[in-house]
Amino acid sequence: MKHNAETAWEVLHHCRTQPGTQPDGSIDPKAFAAFIDEAREFCRQADRLAVCDITIGSVLAHAPSDTDGTWPRLLVRDALDRFDRGDMRRGFYTGVFNKRGVTSRAYDAGGAARQSEWKFV
């Protein structure tokens, strides 16, 4: 059981393909919605809905753009905009942030902005 849980974690946290993705790269809206609804229901029954939503949100952070260049595509925006998806939006935000990767510098190399570049709102 522990091995299965670890495998599931690895699959979910390394997933970059959107649910319902077809061989031509399009996303089937019904399959997309069905995946999210079914995953959420299984996790709701196991009292793990928040973790489920956060994980789905991090997968959605890898969504491609719409044909007009708008990112993320409308299907993903609609899924995130539902009132009960706060944890999914949080996972999406974290996924977008984590996509940037890791950088490091020597303690004295860069990172300081010139004061003229600072903008306070």
PDB file of N, CA and C in Angstrom:
ATOM      1  N   MET A   1       0.821  -1.182   0.000  1.00  0.00           N
ATOM      2  CA  MET A   1       0.000   0.000   0.000  1.00  0.00           C
ATOM      3  C   MET A   1       0.874   1.258   0.000  1.00  0.00           C
ATOM      4  N   LYS A   2       1.964   1.228   0.755  1.00  0.00           N
ATOM      5  CA  LYS A   2       2.876   2.370   0.807  1.00  0.00           C
ATOM      6  C   LYS A   2       3.491   2.596  -0.569  1.00  0.00           C
ATOM      7  N   HIS A   3       3.887   1.530  -1.232  1.00  0.00           N
ATOM      8  CA  HIS A   3       4.470   1.640  -2.571  1.00  0.00           C
ATOM      9  C   HIS A   3       3.466   2.250  -3.548  1.00  0.00           C
ATOM     10  N   ASN A   4       2.223   1.823  -3.484  1.00  0.00           N
ATOM     11  CA  ASN A   4       1.188   2.375  -4.355  1.00  0.00           C
ATOM     12  C   ASN A   4       0.993   3.871  -4.105  1.00  0.00           C
ATOM     13  N   ALA A   5       1.001   4.261  -2.847  1.00  0.00           N
ATOM     14  CA  ALA A   5       0.842   5.674  -2.507  1.00  0.00           C
ATOM     15  C   ALA A   5       2.020   6.485  -3.029  1.00  0.00           C
ATOM     16  N   GLU A   6       3.232   5.956  -2.886  1.00  0.00           N
ATOM     17  CA  GLU A   6       4.416   6.655  -3.385  1.00  0.00           C
ATOM     18  C   GLU A   6       4.388   6.781  -4.903  1.00  0.00           C
ATOM     19  N   THR A   7       3.955   5.729  -5.580  1.00  0.00           N
ATOM     20  CA  THR A   7       3.857   5.761  -7.041  1.00  0.00           C
ATOM     21  C   THR A   7       2.824   6.787  -7.485  1.00  0.00           C
ATOM     22  N   ALA A   8       1.686   6.806  -6.826  1.00  0.00           N
ATOM     23  CA  ALA A   8       0.643   7.774  -7.162  1.00  0.00           C
ATOM     24  C   ALA A   8       1.146   9.205  -6.958  1.00  0.00           C
ATOM     25  N   TRP A   9       1.870   9.425  -5.876  1.00  0.00           N
ATOM     26  CA  TRP A   9       2.425  10.753  -5.610  1.00  0.00           C
ATOM     27  C   TRP A   9       3.374  11.150  -6.729  1.00  0.00           C
ATOM     28  N   GLU A  10       4.267  10.246  -7.120  1.00  0.00           N
ATOM     29  CA  GLU A  10       5.228  10.535  -8.193  1.00  0.00           C
ATOM     30  C   GLU A  10       4.515  10.873  -9.499  1.00  0.00           C
ATOM     31  N   VAL A  11       3.509  10.099  -9.846  1.00  0.00           N
ATOM     32  CA  VAL A  11       2.775  10.334 -11.089  1.00  0.00           C
ATOM     33  C   VAL A  11       2.108  11.705 -11.044  1.00  0.00           C
ATOM     34  N   LEU A  12       1.401  11.988  -9.970  1.00  0.00           N
ATOM     35  CA  LEU A  12       0.666  13.244  -9.875  1.00  0.00           C
ATOM     36  C   LEU A  12       1.573  14.469  -9.819  1.00  0.00           C
ATOM     37  N   HIS A  13       2.688  14.373  -9.134  1.00  0.00           N
ATOM     38  CA  HIS A  13       3.552  15.536  -8.974  1.00  0.00           C
ATOM     39  C   HIS A  13       4.533  15.732 -10.126  1.00  0.00           C
ATOM     40  N   HIS A  14       4.537  14.833 -11.074  1.00  0.00           N
ATOM     41  CA  HIS A  14       5.370  15.015 -12.267  1.00  0.00           C
ATOM     42  C   HIS A  14       4.520  15.105 -13.528  1.00  0.00           C
ATOM     43  N   CYS A  15       3.216  15.150 -13.366  1.00  0.00           N
ATOM     44  CA  CYS A  15       2.297  15.210 -14.498  1.00  0.00           C
ATOM     45  C   CYS A  15       2.315  16.604 -15.110  1.00  0.00           C
ATOM     46  N   ARG A  16       2.499  16.659 -16.410  1.00  0.00           N
ATOM     47  CA  ARG A  16       2.480  17.932 -17.132  1.00  0.00           C
ATOM     48  C   ARG A  16       1.394  17.955 -18.206  1.00  0.00           C
ATOM     49  N   THR A  17       0.756  16.821 -18.423  1.00  0.00           N
ATOM     50  CA  THR A  17      -0.287  16.698 -19.443  1.00  0.00           C
ATOM     51  C   THR A  17      -1.647  16.946 -18.808  1.00  0.00           C
ATOM     52  N   GLN A  18      -2.457  17.715 -19.479  1.00  0.00           N
ATOM     53  CA  GLN A  18      -3.774  18.045 -18.964  1.00  0.00           C
ATOM     54  C   GLN A  18      -4.727  16.861 -19.112  1.00  0.00           C
ATOM     55  N   PRO A  19      -5.641  16.698 -18.166  1.00  0.00           N
ATOM     56  CA  PRO A  19      -6.638  15.631 -18.303  1.00  0.00           C
ATOM     57  C   PRO A  19      -7.432  15.818 -19.600  1.00  0.00           C
ATOM     58  N   GLY A  20      -7.682  14.729 -20.288  1.00  0.00           N
ATOM     59  CA  GLY A  20      -8.470  14.780 -21.511  1.00  0.00           C
ATOM     60  C   GLY A  20      -7.691  15.173 -22.752  1.00  0.00           C
ATOM     61  N   THR A  21      -6.355  15.230 -22.661  1.00  0.00           N
ATOM     62  CA  THR A  21      -5.544  15.610 -23.823  1.00  0.00           C
ATOM     63  C   THR A  21      -5.609  14.523 -24.880  1.00  0.00           C
ATOM     64  N   GLN A  22      -5.886  14.936 -26.096  1.00  0.00           N
ATOM     65  CA  GLN A  22      -6.001  14.039 -27.237  1.00  0.00           C
ATOM     66  C   GLN A  22      -4.659  13.946 -27.965  1.00  0.00           C
ATOM     67  N   PRO A  23      -4.480  12.932 -28.830  1.00  0.00           N
ATOM     68  CA  PRO A  23      -3.213  12.784 -29.554  1.00  0.00           C
ATOM     69  C   PRO A  23      -2.813  14.024 -30.371  1.00  0.00           C
ATOM     70  N   ASP A  24      -3.796  14.800 -30.828  1.00  0.00           N
ATOM     71  CA  ASP A  24      -3.472  15.990 -31.618  1.00  0.00           C
ATOM     72  C   ASP A  24      -3.163  17.214 -30.747  1.00  0.00           C
ATOM     73  N   GLY A  25      -3.179  17.043 -29.413  1.00  0.00           N
ATOM     74  CA  GLY A  25      -2.874  18.133 -28.493  1.00  0.00           C
ATOM     75  C   GLY A  25      -4.090  18.883 -27.992  1.00  0.00           C
ATOM     76  N   SER A  26      -5.247  18.649 -28.602  1.00  0.00           N
ATOM     77  CA  SER A  26      -6.469  19.293 -28.122  1.00  0.00           C
ATOM     78  C   SER A  26      -6.908  18.622 -26.821  1.00  0.00           C
ATOM     79  N   ILE A  27      -7.771  19.301 -26.104  1.00  0.00           N
ATOM     80  CA  ILE A  27      -8.280  18.760 -24.847  1.00  0.00           C
ATOM     81  C   ILE A  27      -9.778  18.541 -24.981  1.00  0.00           C
ATOM     82  N   ASP A  28     -10.216  17.324 -24.718  1.00  0.00           N
ATOM     83  CA  ASP A  28     -11.637  16.990 -24.743  1.00  0.00           C
ATOM     84  C   ASP A  28     -12.275  17.586 -23.488  1.00  0.00           C
ATOM     85  N   PRO A  29     -13.146  18.578 -23.643  1.00  0.00           N
ATOM     86  CA  PRO A  29     -13.737  19.244 -22.473  1.00  0.00           C
ATOM     87  C   PRO A  29     -14.499  18.303 -21.552  1.00  0.00           C
ATOM     88  N   LYS A  30     -15.188  17.321 -22.114  1.00  0.00           N
ATOM     89  CA  LYS A  30     -15.947  16.388 -21.271  1.00  0.00           C
ATOM     90  C   LYS A  30     -15.015  15.496 -20.463  1.00  0.00           C
ATOM     91  N   ALA A  31     -13.956  14.995 -21.095  1.00  0.00           N
ATOM     92  CA  ALA A  31     -12.995  14.152 -20.379  1.00  0.00           C
ATOM     93  C   ALA A  31     -12.253  14.968 -19.317  1.00  0.00           C
ATOM     94  N   PHE A  32     -11.937  16.213 -19.638  1.00  0.00           N
ATOM     95  CA  PHE A  32     -11.264  17.114 -18.701  1.00  0.00           C
ATOM     96  C   PHE A  32     -12.126  17.308 -17.450  1.00  0.00           C
ATOM     97  N   ALA A  33     -13.377  17.675 -17.662  1.00  0.00           N
ATOM     98  CA  ALA A  33     -14.288  17.906 -16.534  1.00  0.00           C
ATOM     99  C   ALA A  33     -14.558  16.621 -15.765  1.00  0.00           C
ATOM    100  N   ALA A  34     -14.721  15.505 -16.488  1.00  0.00           N
ATOM    101  CA  ALA A  34     -14.995  14.224 -15.823  1.00  0.00           C
ATOM    102  C   ALA A  34     -13.830  13.821 -14.931  1.00  0.00           C
ATOM    103  N   PHE A  35     -12.604  14.001 -15.401  1.00  0.00           N
ATOM    104  CA  PHE A  35     -11.433  13.651 -14.589  1.00  0.00           C
ATOM    105  C   PHE A  35     -11.435  14.460 -13.294  1.00  0.00           C
ATOM    106  N   ILE A  36     -11.622  15.759 -13.412  1.00  0.00           N
ATOM    107  CA  ILE A  36     -11.599  16.615 -12.228  1.00  0.00           C
ATOM    108  C   ILE A  36     -12.732  16.241 -11.273  1.00  0.00           C
ATOM    109  N   ASP A  37     -13.930  16.071 -11.802  1.00  0.00           N
ATOM    110  CA  ASP A  37     -15.076  15.734 -10.953  1.00  0.00           C
ATOM    111  C   ASP A  37     -14.894  14.389 -10.261  1.00  0.00           C
ATOM    112  N   GLU A  38     -14.429  13.376 -10.998  1.00  0.00           N
ATOM    113  CA  GLU A  38     -14.251  12.044 -10.410  1.00  0.00           C
ATOM    114  C   GLU A  38     -13.124  12.036  -9.383  1.00  0.00           C
ATOM    115  N   ALA A  39     -12.006  12.679  -9.695  1.00  0.00           N
ATOM    116  CA  ALA A  39     -10.892  12.731  -8.747  1.00  0.00           C
ATOM    117  C   ALA A  39     -11.324  13.435  -7.464  1.00  0.00           C
ATOM    118  N   ARG A  40     -12.040  14.534  -7.607  1.00  0.00           N
ATOM    119  CA  ARG A  40     -12.507  15.263  -6.436  1.00  0.00           C
ATOM    120  C   ARG A  40     -13.492  14.438  -5.610  1.00  0.00           C
ATOM    121  N   GLU A  41     -14.358  13.682  -6.277  1.00  0.00           N
ATOM    122  CA  GLU A  41     -15.323  12.863  -5.540  1.00  0.00           C
ATOM    123  C   GLU A  41     -14.626  11.738  -4.777  1.00  0.00           C
ATOM    124  N   PHE A  42     -13.672  11.052  -5.414  1.00  0.00           N
ATOM    125  CA  PHE A  42     -12.926   9.995  -4.718  1.00  0.00           C
ATOM    126  C   PHE A  42     -12.199  10.574  -3.511  1.00  0.00           C
ATOM    127  N   CYS A  43     -11.599  11.724  -3.695  1.00  0.00           N
ATOM    128  CA  CYS A  43     -10.849  12.328  -2.599  1.00  0.00           C
ATOM    129  C   CYS A  43     -11.766  12.885  -1.522  1.00  0.00           C
ATOM    130  N   ARG A  44     -12.927  13.366  -1.903  1.00  0.00           N
ATOM    131  CA  ARG A  44     -13.907  13.825  -0.916  1.00  0.00           C
ATOM    132  C   ARG A  44     -14.311  12.660  -0.015  1.00  0.00           C
ATOM    133  N   GLN A  45     -14.545  11.494  -0.632  1.00  0.00           N
ATOM    134  CA  GLN A  45     -14.926  10.310   0.135  1.00  0.00           C
ATOM    135  C   GLN A  45     -13.811   9.869   1.079  1.00  0.00           C
ATOM    136  N   ALA A  46     -12.569  10.109   0.693  1.00  0.00           N
ATOM    137  CA  ALA A  46     -11.428   9.738   1.538  1.00  0.00           C
ATOM    138  C   ALA A  46     -10.996  10.882   2.458  1.00  0.00           C
ATOM    139  N   ASP A  47     -11.787  11.961   2.484  1.00  0.00           N
ATOM    140  CA  ASP A  47     -11.478  13.138   3.291  1.00  0.00           C
ATOM    141  C   ASP A  47     -10.117  13.740   2.920  1.00  0.00           C
ATOM    142  N   ARG A  48      -9.853  13.838   1.614  1.00  0.00           N
ATOM    143  CA  ARG A  48      -8.590  14.377   1.111  1.00  0.00           C
ATOM    144  C   ARG A  48      -8.832  15.410   0.007  1.00  0.00           C
ATOM    145  N   LEU A  49      -9.949  16.103   0.058  1.00  0.00           N
ATOM    146  CA  LEU A  49     -10.321  17.004  -1.017  1.00  0.00           C
ATOM    147  C   LEU A  49      -9.351  18.172  -1.173  1.00  0.00           C
ATOM    148  N   ALA A  50      -8.909  18.751  -0.079  1.00  0.00           N
ATOM    149  CA  ALA A  50      -7.995  19.897  -0.175  1.00  0.00           C
ATOM    150  C   ALA A  50      -6.693  19.508  -0.872  1.00  0.00           C
ATOM    151  N   VAL A  51      -6.131  18.387  -0.487  1.00  0.00           N
ATOM    152  CA  VAL A  51      -4.882  17.928  -1.108  1.00  0.00           C
ATOM    153  C   VAL A  51      -5.110  17.622  -2.589  1.00  0.00           C
ATOM    154  N   CYS A  52      -6.248  17.039  -2.898  1.00  0.00           N
ATOM    155  CA  CYS A  52      -6.607  16.745  -4.285  1.00  0.00           C
ATOM    156  C   CYS A  52      -6.653  18.030  -5.098  1.00  0.00           C
ATOM    157  N   ASP A  53      -7.345  19.032  -4.600  1.00  0.00           N
ATOM    158  CA  ASP A  53      -7.484  20.282  -5.332  1.00  0.00           C
ATOM    159  C   ASP A  53      -6.136  20.973  -5.521  1.00  0.00           C
ATOM    160  N   ILE A  54      -5.311  20.968  -4.505  1.00  0.00           N
ATOM    161  CA  ILE A  54      -3.986  21.572  -4.626  1.00  0.00           C
ATOM    162  C   ILE A  54      -3.174  20.862  -5.698  1.00  0.00           C
ATOM    163  N   THR A  55      -3.235  19.538  -5.716  1.00  0.00           N
ATOM    164  CA  THR A  55      -2.491  18.762  -6.699  1.00  0.00           C
ATOM    165  C   THR A  55      -3.022  18.982  -8.112  1.00  0.00           C
ATOM    166  N   ILE A  56      -4.326  18.976  -8.275  1.00  0.00           N
ATOM    167  CA  ILE A  56      -4.906  19.239  -9.595  1.00  0.00           C
ATOM    168  C   ILE A  56      -4.508  20.637 -10.057  1.00  0.00           C
ATOM    169  N   GLY A  57      -4.551  21.595  -9.174  1.00  0.00           N
ATOM    170  CA  GLY A  57      -4.147  22.960  -9.526  1.00  0.00           C
ATOM    171  C   GLY A  57      -2.711  23.026 -10.017  1.00  0.00           C
ATOM    172  N   SER A  58      -1.828  22.268  -9.386  1.00  0.00           N
ATOM    173  CA  SER A  58      -0.427  22.284  -9.827  1.00  0.00           C
ATOM    174  C   SER A  58      -0.267  21.646 -11.205  1.00  0.00           C
ATOM    175  N   VAL A  59      -1.106  20.665 -11.521  1.00  0.00           N
ATOM    176  CA  VAL A  59      -1.087  20.070 -12.867  1.00  0.00           C
ATOM    177  C   VAL A  59      -1.611  21.091 -13.880  1.00  0.00           C
ATOM    178  N   LEU A  60      -2.665  21.801 -13.514  1.00  0.00           N
ATOM    179  CA  LEU A  60      -3.256  22.785 -14.422  1.00  0.00           C
ATOM    180  C   LEU A  60      -2.300  23.941 -14.713  1.00  0.00           C
ATOM    181  N   ALA A  61      -1.328  24.160 -13.850  1.00  0.00           N
ATOM    182  CA  ALA A  61      -0.336  25.213 -14.083  1.00  0.00           C
ATOM    183  C   ALA A  61       0.483  24.946 -15.348  1.00  0.00           C
ATOM    184  N   HIS A  62       0.473  23.727 -15.830  1.00  0.00           N
ATOM    185  CA  HIS A  62       1.228  23.363 -17.030  1.00  0.00           C
ATOM    186  C   HIS A  62       0.358  23.362 -18.279  1.00  0.00           C
ATOM    187  N   ALA A  63      -0.824  23.947 -18.180  1.00  0.00           N
ATOM    188  CA  ALA A  63      -1.752  23.981 -19.311  1.00  0.00           C
ATOM    189  C   ALA A  63      -1.173  24.818 -20.445  1.00  0.00           C
ATOM    190  N   PRO A  64      -1.445  24.409 -21.673  1.00  0.00           N
ATOM    191  CA  PRO A  64      -1.006  25.218 -22.807  1.00  0.00           C
ATOM    192  C   PRO A  64      -1.901  26.446 -22.972  1.00  0.00           C
ATOM    193  N   SER A  65      -1.492  27.325 -23.851  1.00  0.00           N
ATOM    194  CA  SER A  65      -2.278  28.517 -24.166  1.00  0.00           C
ATOM    195  C   SER A  65      -3.407  28.170 -25.115  1.00  0.00           C
ATOM    196  N   ASP A  66      -4.401  29.065 -25.180  1.00  0.00           N
ATOM    197  CA  ASP A  66      -5.441  28.969 -26.195  1.00  0.00           C
ATOM    198  C   ASP A  66      -4.839  29.297 -27.554  1.00  0.00           C
ATOM    199  N   THR A  67      -5.592  29.058 -28.590  1.00  0.00           N
ATOM    200  CA  THR A  67      -5.097  29.339 -29.948  1.00  0.00           C
ATOM    201  C   THR A  67      -4.828  30.827 -30.156  1.00  0.00           C
ATOM    202  N   ASP A  68      -5.486  31.693 -29.382  1.00  0.00           N
ATOM    203  CA  ASP A  68      -5.236  33.135 -29.510  1.00  0.00           C
ATOM    204  C   ASP A  68      -4.077  33.606 -28.638  1.00  0.00           C
ATOM    205  N   GLY A  69      -3.406  32.675 -27.953  1.00  0.00           N
ATOM    206  CA  GLY A  69      -2.255  33.009 -27.128  1.00  0.00           C
ATOM    207  C   GLY A  69      -2.575  33.278 -25.673  1.00  0.00           C
ATOM    208  N   THR A  70      -3.840  33.289 -25.296  1.00  0.00           N
ATOM    209  CA  THR A  70      -4.231  33.527 -23.911  1.00  0.00           C
ATOM    210  C   THR A  70      -3.861  32.319 -23.062  1.00  0.00           C
ATOM    211  N   TRP A  71      -3.210  32.599 -21.919  1.00  0.00           N
ATOM    212  CA  TRP A  71      -2.814  31.514 -21.029  1.00  0.00           C
ATOM    213  C   TRP A  71      -3.400  31.775 -19.651  1.00  0.00           C
ATOM    214  N   PRO A  72      -3.843  30.732 -18.983  1.00  0.00           N
ATOM    215  CA  PRO A  72      -4.055  29.378 -19.490  1.00  0.00           C
ATOM    216  C   PRO A  72      -5.314  29.335 -20.338  1.00  0.00           C
ATOM    217  N   ARG A  73      -5.488  28.244 -21.023  1.00  0.00           N
ATOM    218  CA  ARG A  73      -6.639  28.165 -21.920  1.00  0.00           C
ATOM    219  C   ARG A  73      -7.949  28.273 -21.142  1.00  0.00           C
ATOM    220  N   LEU A  74      -8.997  28.639 -21.857  1.00  0.00           N
ATOM    221  CA  LEU A  74     -10.304  28.923 -21.260  1.00  0.00           C
ATOM    222  C   LEU A  74     -10.821  27.758 -20.418  1.00  0.00           C
ATOM    223  N   LEU A  75     -10.629  26.562 -20.874  1.00  0.00           N
ATOM    224  CA  LEU A  75     -11.083  25.381 -20.148  1.00  0.00           C
ATOM    225  C   LEU A  75     -10.502  25.350 -18.730  1.00  0.00           C
ATOM    226  N   VAL A  76      -9.234  25.672 -18.606  1.00  0.00           N
ATOM    227  CA  VAL A  76      -8.564  25.691 -17.304  1.00  0.00           C
ATOM    228  C   VAL A  76      -9.053  26.883 -16.480  1.00  0.00           C
ATOM    229  N   ARG A  77      -9.174  28.029 -17.112  1.00  0.00           N
ATOM    230  CA  ARG A  77      -9.669  29.208 -16.392  1.00  0.00           C
ATOM    231  C   ARG A  77     -11.051  28.952 -15.816  1.00  0.00           C
ATOM    232  N   ASP A  78     -11.916  28.328 -16.612  1.00  0.00           N
ATOM    233  CA  ASP A  78     -13.261  28.017 -16.130  1.00  0.00           C
ATOM    234  C   ASP A  78     -13.227  27.053 -14.944  1.00  0.00           C
ATOM    235  N   ALA A  79     -12.344  26.062 -15.007  1.00  0.00           N
ATOM    236  CA  ALA A  79     -12.237  25.100 -13.900  1.00  0.00           C
ATOM    237  C   ALA A  79     -11.761  25.786 -12.627  1.00  0.00           C
ATOM    238  N   LEU A  80     -10.845  26.725 -12.749  1.00  0.00           N
ATOM    239  CA  LEU A  80     -10.299  27.418 -11.582  1.00  0.00           C
ATOM    240  C   LEU A  80     -11.237  28.484 -11.029  1.00  0.00           C
ATOM    241  N   ASP A  81     -12.130  28.999 -11.868  1.00  0.00           N
ATOM    242  CA  ASP A  81     -12.988  30.102 -11.455  1.00  0.00           C
ATOM    243  C   ASP A  81     -14.206  29.692 -10.642  1.00  0.00           C
ATOM    244  N   ARG A  82     -14.451  28.419 -10.491  1.00  0.00           N
ATOM    245  CA  ARG A  82     -15.612  28.004  -9.702  1.00  0.00           C
ATOM    246  C   ARG A  82     -15.403  28.385  -8.243  1.00  0.00           C
ATOM    247  N   PHE A  83     -16.484  28.754  -7.578  1.00  0.00           N
ATOM    248  CA  PHE A  83     -16.397  29.297  -6.216  1.00  0.00           C
ATOM    249  C   PHE A  83     -15.776  28.332  -5.216  1.00  0.00           C
ATOM    250  N   ASP A  84     -15.906  27.023  -5.436  1.00  0.00           N
ATOM    251  CA  ASP A  84     -15.425  26.037  -4.473  1.00  0.00           C
ATOM    252  C   ASP A  84     -14.016  25.549  -4.780  1.00  0.00           C
ATOM    253  N   ARG A  85     -13.266  26.295  -5.562  1.00  0.00           N
ATOM    254  CA  ARG A  85     -11.955  25.837  -6.019  1.00  0.00           C
ATOM    255  C   ARG A  85     -10.798  26.664  -5.466  1.00  0.00           C
ATOM    256  N   GLY A  86     -10.936  27.204  -4.278  1.00  0.00           N
ATOM    257  CA  GLY A  86      -9.865  28.011  -3.686  1.00  0.00           C
ATOM    258  C   GLY A  86      -8.562  27.239  -3.542  1.00  0.00           C
ATOM    259  N   ASP A  87      -8.634  25.988  -3.077  1.00  0.00           N
ATOM    260  CA  ASP A  87      -7.420  25.185  -2.931  1.00  0.00           C
ATOM    261  C   ASP A  87      -6.815  24.861  -4.292  1.00  0.00           C
ATOM    262  N   MET A  88      -7.654  24.692  -5.304  1.00  0.00           N
ATOM    263  CA  MET A  88      -7.150  24.416  -6.645  1.00  0.00           C
ATOM    264  C   MET A  88      -6.410  25.649  -7.187  1.00  0.00           C
ATOM    265  N   ARG A  89      -6.956  26.825  -6.931  1.00  0.00           N
ATOM    266  CA  ARG A  89      -6.279  28.054  -7.352  1.00  0.00           C
ATOM    267  C   ARG A  89      -4.950  28.203  -6.622  1.00  0.00           C
ATOM    268  N   ARG A  90      -4.928  27.837  -5.353  1.00  0.00           N
ATOM    269  CA  ARG A  90      -3.674  27.909  -4.581  1.00  0.00           C
ATOM    270  C   ARG A  90      -2.644  26.952  -5.161  1.00  0.00           C
ATOM    271  N   GLY A  91      -3.072  25.732  -5.529  1.00  0.00           N
ATOM    272  CA  GLY A  91      -2.166  24.778  -6.161  1.00  0.00           C
ATOM    273  C   GLY A  91      -1.682  25.265  -7.518  1.00  0.00           C
ATOM    274  N   PHE A  92      -2.576  25.935  -8.258  1.00  0.00           N
ATOM    275  CA  PHE A  92      -2.205  26.501  -9.549  1.00  0.00           C
ATOM    276  C   PHE A  92      -1.123  27.564  -9.370  1.00  0.00           C
ATOM    277  N   TYR A  93      -1.337  28.452  -8.418  1.00  0.00           N
ATOM    278  CA  TYR A  93      -0.366  29.507  -8.127  1.00  0.00           C
ATOM    279  C   TYR A  93       0.992  28.906  -7.769  1.00  0.00           C
ATOM    280  N   THR A  94       0.982  27.922  -6.896  1.00  0.00           N
ATOM    281  CA  THR A  94       2.230  27.274  -6.497  1.00  0.00           C
ATOM    282  C   THR A  94       2.884  26.586  -7.683  1.00  0.00           C
ATOM    283  N   GLY A  95       2.078  25.913  -8.526  1.00  0.00           N
ATOM    284  CA  GLY A  95       2.617  25.252  -9.707  1.00  0.00           C
ATOM    285  C   GLY A  95       3.252  26.228 -10.669  1.00  0.00           C
ATOM    286  N   VAL A  96       2.628  27.379 -10.871  1.00  0.00           N
ATOM    287  CA  VAL A  96       3.200  28.408 -11.750  1.00  0.00           C
ATOM    288  C   VAL A  96       4.515  28.908 -11.164  1.00  0.00           C
ATOM    289  N   PHE A  97       4.531  29.171  -9.877  1.00  0.00           N
ATOM    290  CA  PHE A  97       5.738  29.650  -9.208  1.00  0.00           C
ATOM    291  C   PHE A  97       6.860  28.617  -9.314  1.00  0.00           C
ATOM    292  N   ASN A  98       6.528  27.354  -9.101  1.00  0.00           N
ATOM    293  CA  ASN A  98       7.539  26.296  -9.130  1.00  0.00           C
ATOM    294  C   ASN A  98       8.061  26.009 -10.530  1.00  0.00           C
ATOM    295  N   LYS A  99       7.299  26.359 -11.561  1.00  0.00           N
ATOM    296  CA  LYS A  99       7.761  26.140 -12.934  1.00  0.00           C
ATOM    297  C   LYS A  99       8.985  26.986 -13.247  1.00  0.00           C
ATOM    298  N   ARG A 100       9.210  28.029 -12.497  1.00  0.00           N
ATOM    299  CA  ARG A 100      10.346  28.913 -12.755  1.00  0.00           C
ATOM    300  C   ARG A 100      11.670  28.216 -12.496  1.00  0.00           C
ATOM    301  N   GLY A 101      11.646  27.180 -11.669  1.00  0.00           N
ATOM    302  CA  GLY A 101      12.879  26.466 -11.369  1.00  0.00           C
ATOM    303  C   GLY A 101      13.655  27.126 -10.234  1.00  0.00           C
ATOM    304  N   VAL A 102      14.876  26.671 -10.046  1.00  0.00           N
ATOM    305  CA  VAL A 102      15.713  27.135  -8.953  1.00  0.00           C
ATOM    306  C   VAL A 102      16.905  27.886  -9.525  1.00  0.00           C
ATOM    307  N   THR A 103      17.272  28.974  -8.880  1.00  0.00           N
ATOM    308  CA  THR A 103      18.493  29.686  -9.244  1.00  0.00           C
ATOM    309  C   THR A 103      19.304  29.906  -7.991  1.00  0.00           C
ATOM    310  N   SER A 104      20.575  30.064  -8.175  1.00  0.00           N
ATOM    311  CA  SER A 104      21.427  30.388  -7.031  1.00  0.00           C
ATOM    312  C   SER A 104      22.552  31.286  -7.506  1.00  0.00           C
ATOM    313  N   ARG A 105      23.047  32.096  -6.591  1.00  0.00           N
ATOM    314  CA  ARG A 105      24.136  33.023  -6.883  1.00  0.00           C
ATOM    315  C   ARG A 105      25.066  33.046  -5.677  1.00  0.00           C
ATOM    316  N   ALA A 106      26.272  33.528  -5.917  1.00  0.00           N
ATOM    317  CA  ALA A 106      27.180  33.765  -4.804  1.00  0.00           C
ATOM    318  C   ALA A 106      26.580  34.871  -3.940  1.00  0.00           C
ATOM    319  N   TYR A 107      26.944  34.925  -2.689  1.00  0.00           N
ATOM    320  CA  TYR A 107      26.332  35.877  -1.774  1.00  0.00           C
ATOM    321  C   TYR A 107      26.491  37.326  -2.227  1.00  0.00           C
ATOM    322  N   ASP A 108      27.493  37.622  -3.029  1.00  0.00           N
ATOM    323  CA  ASP A 108      27.716  38.998  -3.452  1.00  0.00           C
ATOM    324  C   ASP A 108      27.447  39.213  -4.948  1.00  0.00           C
ATOM    325  N   ALA A 109      26.729  38.278  -5.575  1.00  0.00           N
ATOM    326  CA  ALA A 109      26.513  38.359  -7.023  1.00  0.00           C
ATOM    327  C   ALA A 109      25.052  38.650  -7.342  1.00  0.00           C
ATOM    328  N   GLY A 110      24.752  39.894  -7.619  1.00  0.00           N
ATOM    329  CA  GLY A 110      23.431  40.258  -8.101  1.00  0.00           C
ATOM    330  C   GLY A 110      22.360  40.245  -7.039  1.00  0.00           C
ATOM    331  N   GLY A 111      21.149  40.520  -7.494  1.00  0.00           N
ATOM    332  CA  GLY A 111      19.999  40.489  -6.610  1.00  0.00           C
ATOM    333  C   GLY A 111      19.554  41.847  -6.122  1.00  0.00           C
ATOM    334  N   ALA A 112      20.417  42.851  -6.187  1.00  0.00           N
ATOM    335  CA  ALA A 112      20.034  44.177  -5.714  1.00  0.00           C
ATOM    336  C   ALA A 112      19.469  44.995  -6.866  1.00  0.00           C
ATOM    337  N   ALA A 113      18.344  45.610  -6.629  1.00  0.00           N
ATOM    338  CA  ALA A 113      17.756  46.502  -7.634  1.00  0.00           C
ATOM    339  C   ALA A 113      18.239  47.915  -7.364  1.00  0.00           C
ATOM    340  N   ARG A 114      18.406  48.670  -8.425  1.00  0.00           N
ATOM    341  CA  ARG A 114      18.747  50.083  -8.241  1.00  0.00           C
ATOM    342  C   ARG A 114      17.526  50.779  -7.674  1.00  0.00           C
ATOM    343  N   GLN A 115      17.756  51.741  -6.822  1.00  0.00           N
ATOM    344  CA  GLN A 115      16.648  52.418  -6.168  1.00  0.00           C
ATOM    345  C   GLN A 115      15.717  53.055  -7.187  1.00  0.00           C
ATOM    346  N   SER A 116      16.237  53.504  -8.322  1.00  0.00           N
ATOM    347  CA  SER A 116      15.396  54.140  -9.329  1.00  0.00           C
ATOM    348  C   SER A 116      14.420  53.147  -9.955  1.00  0.00           C
ATOM    349  N   GLU A 117      14.666  51.828  -9.806  1.00  0.00           N
ATOM    350  CA  GLU A 117      13.780  50.815 -10.361  1.00  0.00           C
ATOM    351  C   GLU A 117      12.657  50.444  -9.394  1.00  0.00           C
ATOM    352  N   TRP A 118      12.752  50.862  -8.147  1.00  0.00           N
ATOM    353  CA  TRP A 118      11.747  50.505  -7.174  1.00  0.00           C
ATOM    354  C   TRP A 118      10.470  51.265  -7.448  1.00  0.00           C
ATOM    355  N   LYS A 119       9.367  50.567  -7.377  1.00  0.00           N
ATOM    356  CA  LYS A 119       8.080  51.207  -7.571  1.00  0.00           C
ATOM    357  C   LYS A 119       7.172  50.798  -6.418  1.00  0.00           C
ATOM    358  N   PHE A 120       6.617  51.780  -5.784  1.00  0.00           N
ATOM    359  CA  PHE A 120       5.726  51.514  -4.664  1.00  0.00           C
ATOM    360  C   PHE A 120       4.324  51.896  -5.092  1.00  0.00           C
ATOM    361  N   VAL A 121       3.401  51.038  -4.767  1.00  0.00           N
ATOM    362  CA  VAL A 121       2.008  51.284  -5.130  1.00  0.00           C
ATOM    363  C   VAL A 121       1.204  51.563  -3.885  1.00  0.00           C
TER     364      VAL A 121
END
